[in-house]
mmCIF file of all heavy atoms, coordinates in Angstrom:
data_MODEL
# 
_entry.id   MODEL 
# 
loop_
_atom_site.group_PDB 
_atom_site.id 
_atom_site.type_symbol 
_atom_site.label_atom_id 
_atom_site.label_alt_id 
_atom_site.label_comp_id 
_atom_site.label_asym_id 
_atom_site.label_entity_id 
_atom_site.label_seq_id 
_atom_site.pdbx_PDB_ins_code 
_atom_site.Cartn_x 
_atom_site.Cartn_y 
_atom_site.Cartn_z 
_atom_site.occupancy 
_atom_site.B_iso_or_equiv 
_atom_site.pdbx_formal_charge 
_atom_site.auth_seq_id 
_atom_site.auth_comp_id 
_atom_site.auth_asym_id 
_atom_site.auth_atom_id 
_atom_site.pdbx_PDB_model_num 
ATOM 1   N N   . ASP A 1 1  ? -22.672 9.289   6.046  1.00 0.00 ? 1  ASP A N   1 
ATOM 2   C CA  . ASP A 1 1  ? -22.318 10.646  6.430  1.00 0.00 ? 1  ASP A CA  1 
ATOM 3   C C   . ASP A 1 1  ? -20.949 11.065  6.060  1.00 0.00 ? 1  ASP A C   1 
ATOM 4   O O   . ASP A 1 1  ? -20.688 12.127  5.497  1.00 0.00 ? 1  ASP A O   1 
ATOM 5   C CB  . ASP A 1 1  ? -22.519 10.782  7.906  1.00 0.00 ? 1  ASP A CB  1 
ATOM 6   C CG  . ASP A 1 1  ? -24.008 10.746  8.400  1.00 0.00 ? 1  ASP A CG  1 
ATOM 7   O OD1 . ASP A 1 1  ? -24.834 10.941  7.589  1.00 0.00 ? 1  ASP A OD1 1 
ATOM 8   O OD2 . ASP A 1 1  ? -24.166 10.327  9.561  1.00 0.00 ? 1  ASP A OD2 1 
ATOM 9   N N   . LEU A 1 2  ? -19.978 10.143  6.290  1.00 0.00 ? 2  LEU A N   1 
ATOM 10  C CA  . LEU A 1 2  ? -18.507 10.424  6.237  1.00 0.00 ? 2  LEU A CA  1 
ATOM 11  C C   . LEU A 1 2  ? -18.050 10.275  4.658  1.00 0.00 ? 2  LEU A C   1 
ATOM 12  O O   . LEU A 1 2  ? -17.102 10.929  4.339  1.00 0.00 ? 2  LEU A O   1 
ATOM 13  C CB  . LEU A 1 2  ? -17.689 9.542   7.075  1.00 0.00 ? 2  LEU A CB  1 
ATOM 14  C CG  . LEU A 1 2  ? -17.982 9.725   8.531  1.00 0.00 ? 2  LEU A CG  1 
ATOM 15  C CD1 . LEU A 1 2  ? -17.296 8.558   9.317  1.00 0.00 ? 2  LEU A CD1 1 
ATOM 16  C CD2 . LEU A 1 2  ? -17.471 11.106  9.021  1.00 0.00 ? 2  LEU A CD2 1 
ATOM 17  N N   . PHE A 1 3  ? -18.744 9.515   3.894  1.00 0.00 ? 3  PHE A N   1 
ATOM 18  C CA  . PHE A 1 3  ? -18.326 9.264   2.470  1.00 0.00 ? 3  PHE A CA  1 
ATOM 19  C C   . PHE A 1 3  ? -19.537 9.435   1.577  1.00 0.00 ? 3  PHE A C   1 
ATOM 20  O O   . PHE A 1 3  ? -20.020 8.559   0.840  1.00 0.00 ? 3  PHE A O   1 
ATOM 21  C CB  . PHE A 1 3  ? -17.817 7.862   2.379  1.00 0.00 ? 3  PHE A CB  1 
ATOM 22  C CG  . PHE A 1 3  ? -16.696 7.432   3.167  1.00 0.00 ? 3  PHE A CG  1 
ATOM 23  C CD1 . PHE A 1 3  ? -16.810 6.962   4.457  1.00 0.00 ? 3  PHE A CD1 1 
ATOM 24  C CD2 . PHE A 1 3  ? -15.316 7.820   2.752  1.00 0.00 ? 3  PHE A CD2 1 
ATOM 25  C CE1 . PHE A 1 3  ? -15.746 6.670   5.243  1.00 0.00 ? 3  PHE A CE1 1 
ATOM 26  C CE2 . PHE A 1 3  ? -14.205 7.462   3.562  1.00 0.00 ? 3  PHE A CE2 1 
ATOM 27  C CZ  . PHE A 1 3  ? -14.385 6.935   4.856  1.00 0.00 ? 3  PHE A CZ  1 
ATOM 28  N N   . PRO A 1 4  ? -20.041 10.700  1.526  1.00 0.00 ? 4  PRO A N   1 
ATOM 29  C CA  . PRO A 1 4  ? -21.255 10.928  0.725  1.00 0.00 ? 4  PRO A CA  1 
ATOM 30  C C   . PRO A 1 4  ? -21.180 10.726  -0.753 1.00 0.00 ? 4  PRO A C   1 
ATOM 31  O O   . PRO A 1 4  ? -22.138 10.410  -1.423 1.00 0.00 ? 4  PRO A O   1 
ATOM 32  C CB  . PRO A 1 4  ? -21.681 12.424  1.009  1.00 0.00 ? 4  PRO A CB  1 
ATOM 33  C CG  . PRO A 1 4  ? -20.279 13.041  1.488  1.00 0.00 ? 4  PRO A CG  1 
ATOM 34  C CD  . PRO A 1 4  ? -19.586 11.898  2.181  1.00 0.00 ? 4  PRO A CD  1 
ATOM 35  N N   . ASP A 1 5  ? -19.978 10.861  -1.274 1.00 0.00 ? 5  ASP A N   1 
ATOM 36  C CA  . ASP A 1 5  ? -19.706 10.676  -2.753 1.00 0.00 ? 5  ASP A CA  1 
ATOM 37  C C   . ASP A 1 5  ? -19.438 9.237   -3.153 1.00 0.00 ? 5  ASP A C   1 
ATOM 38  O O   . ASP A 1 5  ? -19.454 8.944   -4.271 1.00 0.00 ? 5  ASP A O   1 
ATOM 39  C CB  . ASP A 1 5  ? -18.591 11.641  -3.132 1.00 0.00 ? 5  ASP A CB  1 
ATOM 40  C CG  . ASP A 1 5  ? -18.961 13.069  -2.989 1.00 0.00 ? 5  ASP A CG  1 
ATOM 41  O OD1 . ASP A 1 5  ? -20.185 13.327  -3.153 1.00 0.00 ? 5  ASP A OD1 1 
ATOM 42  O OD2 . ASP A 1 5  ? -18.114 13.877  -2.673 1.00 0.00 ? 5  ASP A OD2 1 
ATOM 43  N N   . ASN A 1 6  ? -18.946 8.444   -2.180 1.00 0.00 ? 6  ASN A N   1 
ATOM 44  C CA  . ASN A 1 6  ? -18.546 7.012   -2.522 1.00 0.00 ? 6  ASN A CA  1 
ATOM 45  C C   . ASN A 1 6  ? -18.903 6.124   -1.355 1.00 0.00 ? 6  ASN A C   1 
ATOM 46  O O   . ASN A 1 6  ? -18.054 5.278   -0.888 1.00 0.00 ? 6  ASN A O   1 
ATOM 47  C CB  . ASN A 1 6  ? -17.095 6.964   -2.906 1.00 0.00 ? 6  ASN A CB  1 
ATOM 48  C CG  . ASN A 1 6  ? -16.159 7.682   -2.065 1.00 0.00 ? 6  ASN A CG  1 
ATOM 49  O OD1 . ASN A 1 6  ? -16.531 8.196   -0.992 1.00 0.00 ? 6  ASN A OD1 1 
ATOM 50  N ND2 . ASN A 1 6  ? -14.955 7.841   -2.403 1.00 0.00 ? 6  ASN A ND2 1 
ATOM 51  N N   . ASP A 1 7  ? -20.095 6.210   -0.845 1.00 0.00 ? 7  ASP A N   1 
ATOM 52  C CA  . ASP A 1 7  ? -20.537 5.542   0.282  1.00 0.00 ? 7  ASP A CA  1 
ATOM 53  C C   . ASP A 1 7  ? -20.592 3.967   -0.122 1.00 0.00 ? 7  ASP A C   1 
ATOM 54  O O   . ASP A 1 7  ? -20.455 3.092   0.732  1.00 0.00 ? 7  ASP A O   1 
ATOM 55  C CB  . ASP A 1 7  ? -21.797 5.944   0.915  1.00 0.00 ? 7  ASP A CB  1 
ATOM 56  C CG  . ASP A 1 7  ? -22.929 5.966   0.005  1.00 0.00 ? 7  ASP A CG  1 
ATOM 57  O OD1 . ASP A 1 7  ? -22.691 6.070   -1.342 1.00 0.00 ? 7  ASP A OD1 1 
ATOM 58  O OD2 . ASP A 1 7  ? -24.134 6.017   0.362  1.00 0.00 ? 7  ASP A OD2 1 
ATOM 59  N N   . GLY A 1 8  ? -20.956 3.724   -1.392 1.00 0.00 ? 8  GLY A N   1 
ATOM 60  C CA  . GLY A 1 8  ? -21.071 2.366   -1.788 1.00 0.00 ? 8  GLY A CA  1 
ATOM 61  C C   . GLY A 1 8  ? -19.632 1.622   -1.639 1.00 0.00 ? 8  GLY A C   1 
ATOM 62  O O   . GLY A 1 8  ? -19.574 0.443   -1.080 1.00 0.00 ? 8  GLY A O   1 
ATOM 63  N N   . ALA A 1 9  ? -18.646 2.248   -2.161 1.00 0.00 ? 9  ALA A N   1 
ATOM 64  C CA  . ALA A 1 9  ? -17.211 1.774   -1.917 1.00 0.00 ? 9  ALA A CA  1 
ATOM 65  C C   . ALA A 1 9  ? -16.961 1.465   -0.457 1.00 0.00 ? 9  ALA A C   1 
ATOM 66  O O   . ALA A 1 9  ? -16.298 0.531   -0.083 1.00 0.00 ? 9  ALA A O   1 
ATOM 67  C CB  . ALA A 1 9  ? -16.317 2.511   -2.733 1.00 0.00 ? 9  ALA A CB  1 
ATOM 68  N N   . ALA A 1 10 ? -17.149 2.527   0.291  1.00 0.00 ? 10 ALA A N   1 
ATOM 69  C CA  . ALA A 1 10 ? -16.830 2.457   1.695  1.00 0.00 ? 10 ALA A CA  1 
ATOM 70  C C   . ALA A 1 10 ? -17.600 1.299   2.453  1.00 0.00 ? 10 ALA A C   1 
ATOM 71  O O   . ALA A 1 10 ? -17.037 0.520   3.172  1.00 0.00 ? 10 ALA A O   1 
ATOM 72  C CB  . ALA A 1 10 ? -17.302 3.795   2.407  1.00 0.00 ? 10 ALA A CB  1 
ATOM 73  N N   . VAL A 1 11 ? -18.918 1.089   2.082  1.00 0.00 ? 11 VAL A N   1 
ATOM 74  C CA  . VAL A 1 11 ? -19.675 0.017   2.582  1.00 0.00 ? 11 VAL A CA  1 
ATOM 75  C C   . VAL A 1 11 ? -19.187 -1.326  2.080  1.00 0.00 ? 11 VAL A C   1 
ATOM 76  O O   . VAL A 1 11 ? -19.001 -2.338  2.885  1.00 0.00 ? 11 VAL A O   1 
ATOM 77  C CB  . VAL A 1 11 ? -21.182 0.183   2.238  1.00 0.00 ? 11 VAL A CB  1 
ATOM 78  C CG1 . VAL A 1 11 ? -21.916 -1.124  2.543  1.00 0.00 ? 11 VAL A CG1 1 
ATOM 79  C CG2 . VAL A 1 11 ? -21.809 1.240   2.976  1.00 0.00 ? 11 VAL A CG2 1 
ATOM 80  N N   . GLY A 1 12 ? -18.699 -1.362  0.859  1.00 0.00 ? 12 GLY A N   1 
ATOM 81  C CA  . GLY A 1 12 ? -18.237 -2.548  0.212  1.00 0.00 ? 12 GLY A CA  1 
ATOM 82  C C   . GLY A 1 12 ? -16.886 -3.010  0.965  1.00 0.00 ? 12 GLY A C   1 
ATOM 83  O O   . GLY A 1 12 ? -16.702 -4.124  1.368  1.00 0.00 ? 12 GLY A O   1 
ATOM 84  N N   . ILE A 1 13 ? -15.984 -2.015  1.306  1.00 0.00 ? 13 ILE A N   1 
ATOM 85  C CA  . ILE A 1 13 ? -14.764 -2.444  2.004  1.00 0.00 ? 13 ILE A CA  1 
ATOM 86  C C   . ILE A 1 13 ? -15.115 -2.899  3.446  1.00 0.00 ? 13 ILE A C   1 
ATOM 87  O O   . ILE A 1 13 ? -14.508 -3.847  3.965  1.00 0.00 ? 13 ILE A O   1 
ATOM 88  C CB  . ILE A 1 13 ? -13.806 -1.221  2.101  1.00 0.00 ? 13 ILE A CB  1 
ATOM 89  C CG1 . ILE A 1 13 ? -13.239 -0.979  0.678  1.00 0.00 ? 13 ILE A CG1 1 
ATOM 90  C CG2 . ILE A 1 13 ? -12.728 -1.379  3.051  1.00 0.00 ? 13 ILE A CG2 1 
ATOM 91  C CD1 . ILE A 1 13 ? -12.381 0.229   0.541  1.00 0.00 ? 13 ILE A CD1 1 
ATOM 92  N N   . THR A 1 14 ? -16.067 -2.244  4.052  1.00 0.00 ? 14 THR A N   1 
ATOM 93  C CA  . THR A 1 14 ? -16.398 -2.577  5.448  1.00 0.00 ? 14 THR A CA  1 
ATOM 94  C C   . THR A 1 14 ? -17.050 -4.021  5.428  1.00 0.00 ? 14 THR A C   1 
ATOM 95  O O   . THR A 1 14 ? -16.698 -4.873  6.369  1.00 0.00 ? 14 THR A O   1 
ATOM 96  C CB  . THR A 1 14 ? -17.473 -1.646  6.033  1.00 0.00 ? 14 THR A CB  1 
ATOM 97  O OG1 . THR A 1 14 ? -16.892 -0.378  5.996  1.00 0.00 ? 14 THR A OG1 1 
ATOM 98  C CG2 . THR A 1 14 ? -17.864 -2.018  7.410  1.00 0.00 ? 14 THR A CG2 1 
ATOM 99  N N   . LEU A 1 15 ? -17.944 -4.402  4.419  1.00 0.00 ? 15 LEU A N   1 
ATOM 100 C CA  . LEU A 1 15 ? -18.482 -5.729  4.402  1.00 0.00 ? 15 LEU A CA  1 
ATOM 101 C C   . LEU A 1 15 ? -17.577 -6.691  4.001  1.00 0.00 ? 15 LEU A C   1 
ATOM 102 O O   . LEU A 1 15 ? -17.564 -7.880  4.481  1.00 0.00 ? 15 LEU A O   1 
ATOM 103 C CB  . LEU A 1 15 ? -19.687 -5.635  3.450  1.00 0.00 ? 15 LEU A CB  1 
ATOM 104 C CG  . LEU A 1 15 ? -20.974 -4.816  3.805  1.00 0.00 ? 15 LEU A CG  1 
ATOM 105 C CD1 . LEU A 1 15 ? -22.007 -5.078  2.748  1.00 0.00 ? 15 LEU A CD1 1 
ATOM 106 C CD2 . LEU A 1 15 ? -21.499 -5.172  5.245  1.00 0.00 ? 15 LEU A CD2 1 
ATOM 107 N N   . ALA A 1 16 ? -16.459 -6.369  3.131  1.00 0.00 ? 16 ALA A N   1 
ATOM 108 C CA  . ALA A 1 16 ? -15.403 -7.205  2.812  1.00 0.00 ? 16 ALA A CA  1 
ATOM 109 C C   . ALA A 1 16 ? -14.592 -7.608  4.092  1.00 0.00 ? 16 ALA A C   1 
ATOM 110 O O   . ALA A 1 16 ? -14.175 -8.780  4.184  1.00 0.00 ? 16 ALA A O   1 
ATOM 111 C CB  . ALA A 1 16 ? -14.594 -6.639  1.750  1.00 0.00 ? 16 ALA A CB  1 
ATOM 112 N N   . ALA A 1 17 ? -14.464 -6.602  5.055  1.00 0.00 ? 17 ALA A N   1 
ATOM 113 C CA  . ALA A 1 17 ? -13.742 -6.957  6.224  1.00 0.00 ? 17 ALA A CA  1 
ATOM 114 C C   . ALA A 1 17 ? -14.504 -8.005  7.017  1.00 0.00 ? 17 ALA A C   1 
ATOM 115 O O   . ALA A 1 17 ? -13.924 -8.863  7.710  1.00 0.00 ? 17 ALA A O   1 
ATOM 116 C CB  . ALA A 1 17 ? -13.547 -5.659  7.034  1.00 0.00 ? 17 ALA A CB  1 
ATOM 117 N N   . GLY A 1 18 ? -15.833 -7.909  6.954  1.00 0.00 ? 18 GLY A N   1 
ATOM 118 C CA  . GLY A 1 18 ? -16.660 -8.819  7.640  1.00 0.00 ? 18 GLY A CA  1 
ATOM 119 C C   . GLY A 1 18 ? -16.456 -10.267 7.058  1.00 0.00 ? 18 GLY A C   1 
ATOM 120 O O   . GLY A 1 18 ? -16.439 -11.278 7.762  1.00 0.00 ? 18 GLY A O   1 
ATOM 121 N N   . GLU A 1 19 ? -16.370 -10.349 5.747  1.00 0.00 ? 19 GLU A N   1 
ATOM 122 C CA  . GLU A 1 19 ? -16.091 -11.693 4.999  1.00 0.00 ? 19 GLU A CA  1 
ATOM 123 C C   . GLU A 1 19 ? -14.730 -12.221 5.496  1.00 0.00 ? 19 GLU A C   1 
ATOM 124 O O   . GLU A 1 19 ? -14.645 -13.541 5.634  1.00 0.00 ? 19 GLU A O   1 
ATOM 125 C CB  . GLU A 1 19 ? -16.166 -11.532 3.549  1.00 0.00 ? 19 GLU A CB  1 
ATOM 126 C CG  . GLU A 1 19 ? -17.531 -10.995 2.951  1.00 0.00 ? 19 GLU A CG  1 
ATOM 127 C CD  . GLU A 1 19 ? -18.707 -11.900 3.409  1.00 0.00 ? 19 GLU A CD  1 
ATOM 128 O OE1 . GLU A 1 19 ? -18.479 -12.993 3.864  1.00 0.00 ? 19 GLU A OE1 1 
ATOM 129 O OE2 . GLU A 1 19 ? -19.846 -11.291 3.370  1.00 0.00 ? 19 GLU A OE2 1 
ATOM 130 N N   . VAL A 1 20 ? -13.713 -11.352 5.746  1.00 0.00 ? 20 VAL A N   1 
ATOM 131 C CA  . VAL A 1 20 ? -12.482 -11.831 6.176  1.00 0.00 ? 20 VAL A CA  1 
ATOM 132 C C   . VAL A 1 20 ? -12.686 -12.363 7.577  1.00 0.00 ? 20 VAL A C   1 
ATOM 133 O O   . VAL A 1 20 ? -12.074 -13.405 7.917  1.00 0.00 ? 20 VAL A O   1 
ATOM 134 C CB  . VAL A 1 20 ? -11.426 -10.652 6.233  1.00 0.00 ? 20 VAL A CB  1 
ATOM 135 C CG1 . VAL A 1 20 ? -10.136 -11.183 6.813  1.00 0.00 ? 20 VAL A CG1 1 
ATOM 136 C CG2 . VAL A 1 20 ? -11.195 -10.168 4.857  1.00 0.00 ? 20 VAL A CG2 1 
ATOM 137 N N   . GLY A 1 21 ? -13.517 -11.735 8.412  1.00 0.00 ? 21 GLY A N   1 
ATOM 138 C CA  . GLY A 1 21 ? -13.761 -12.335 9.717  1.00 0.00 ? 21 GLY A CA  1 
ATOM 139 C C   . GLY A 1 21 ? -14.516 -13.610 9.651  1.00 0.00 ? 21 GLY A C   1 
ATOM 140 O O   . GLY A 1 21 ? -14.140 -14.582 10.481 1.00 0.00 ? 21 GLY A O   1 
ATOM 141 N N   . ASN A 1 22 ? -15.403 -13.703 8.757  1.00 0.00 ? 22 ASN A N   1 
ATOM 142 C CA  . ASN A 1 22 ? -16.084 -15.037 8.491  1.00 0.00 ? 22 ASN A CA  1 
ATOM 143 C C   . ASN A 1 22 ? -15.116 -16.229 8.150  1.00 0.00 ? 22 ASN A C   1 
ATOM 144 O O   . ASN A 1 22 ? -15.332 -17.313 8.526  1.00 0.00 ? 22 ASN A O   1 
ATOM 145 C CB  . ASN A 1 22 ? -17.182 -14.914 7.506  1.00 0.00 ? 22 ASN A CB  1 
ATOM 146 C CG  . ASN A 1 22 ? -18.348 -13.967 7.902  1.00 0.00 ? 22 ASN A CG  1 
ATOM 147 O OD1 . ASN A 1 22 ? -18.466 -13.734 9.048  1.00 0.00 ? 22 ASN A OD1 1 
ATOM 148 N ND2 . ASN A 1 22 ? -19.063 -13.491 6.915  1.00 0.00 ? 22 ASN A ND2 1 
ATOM 149 N N   . ALA A 1 23 ? -14.091 -15.770 7.429  1.00 0.00 ? 23 ALA A N   1 
ATOM 150 C CA  . ALA A 1 23 ? -13.160 -16.766 6.885  1.00 0.00 ? 23 ALA A CA  1 
ATOM 151 C C   . ALA A 1 23 ? -12.165 -17.079 7.843  1.00 0.00 ? 23 ALA A C   1 
ATOM 152 O O   . ALA A 1 23 ? -11.682 -18.287 7.888  1.00 0.00 ? 23 ALA A O   1 
ATOM 153 C CB  . ALA A 1 23 ? -12.553 -16.235 5.537  1.00 0.00 ? 23 ALA A CB  1 
ATOM 154 N N   . LEU A 1 24 ? -11.783 -16.260 8.766  1.00 0.00 ? 24 LEU A N   1 
ATOM 155 C CA  . LEU A 1 24 ? -10.648 -16.390 9.639  1.00 0.00 ? 24 LEU A CA  1 
ATOM 156 C C   . LEU A 1 24 ? -10.975 -16.842 11.023 1.00 0.00 ? 24 LEU A C   1 
ATOM 157 O O   . LEU A 1 24 ? -10.429 -17.707 11.719 1.00 0.00 ? 24 LEU A O   1 
ATOM 158 C CB  . LEU A 1 24 ? -9.739  -15.179 9.698  1.00 0.00 ? 24 LEU A CB  1 
ATOM 159 C CG  . LEU A 1 24 ? -9.008  -14.767 8.492  1.00 0.00 ? 24 LEU A CG  1 
ATOM 160 C CD1 . LEU A 1 24 ? -8.205  -13.508 8.621  1.00 0.00 ? 24 LEU A CD1 1 
ATOM 161 C CD2 . LEU A 1 24 ? -8.207  -15.938 7.882  1.00 0.00 ? 24 LEU A CD2 1 
ATOM 162 N N   . LEU A 1 25 ? -11.966 -16.102 11.682 1.00 0.00 ? 25 LEU A N   1 
ATOM 163 C CA  . LEU A 1 25 ? -12.249 -16.259 13.044 1.00 0.00 ? 25 LEU A CA  1 
ATOM 164 C C   . LEU A 1 25 ? -12.804 -17.641 13.515 1.00 0.00 ? 25 LEU A C   1 
ATOM 165 O O   . LEU A 1 25 ? -12.428 -18.173 14.439 1.00 0.00 ? 25 LEU A O   1 
ATOM 166 C CB  . LEU A 1 25 ? -13.150 -15.089 13.587 1.00 0.00 ? 25 LEU A CB  1 
ATOM 167 C CG  . LEU A 1 25 ? -12.587 -13.713 13.533 1.00 0.00 ? 25 LEU A CG  1 
ATOM 168 C CD1 . LEU A 1 25 ? -13.494 -12.678 14.069 1.00 0.00 ? 25 LEU A CD1 1 
ATOM 169 C CD2 . LEU A 1 25 ? -11.271 -13.640 14.423 1.00 0.00 ? 25 LEU A CD2 1 
# 
């Protein structure tokens, strides 16, 4: 909804944050 023109990039950054969580936590 919030990033209709580049939702793929927004999702990519969000999932990348999850990978940081997987590596650090």
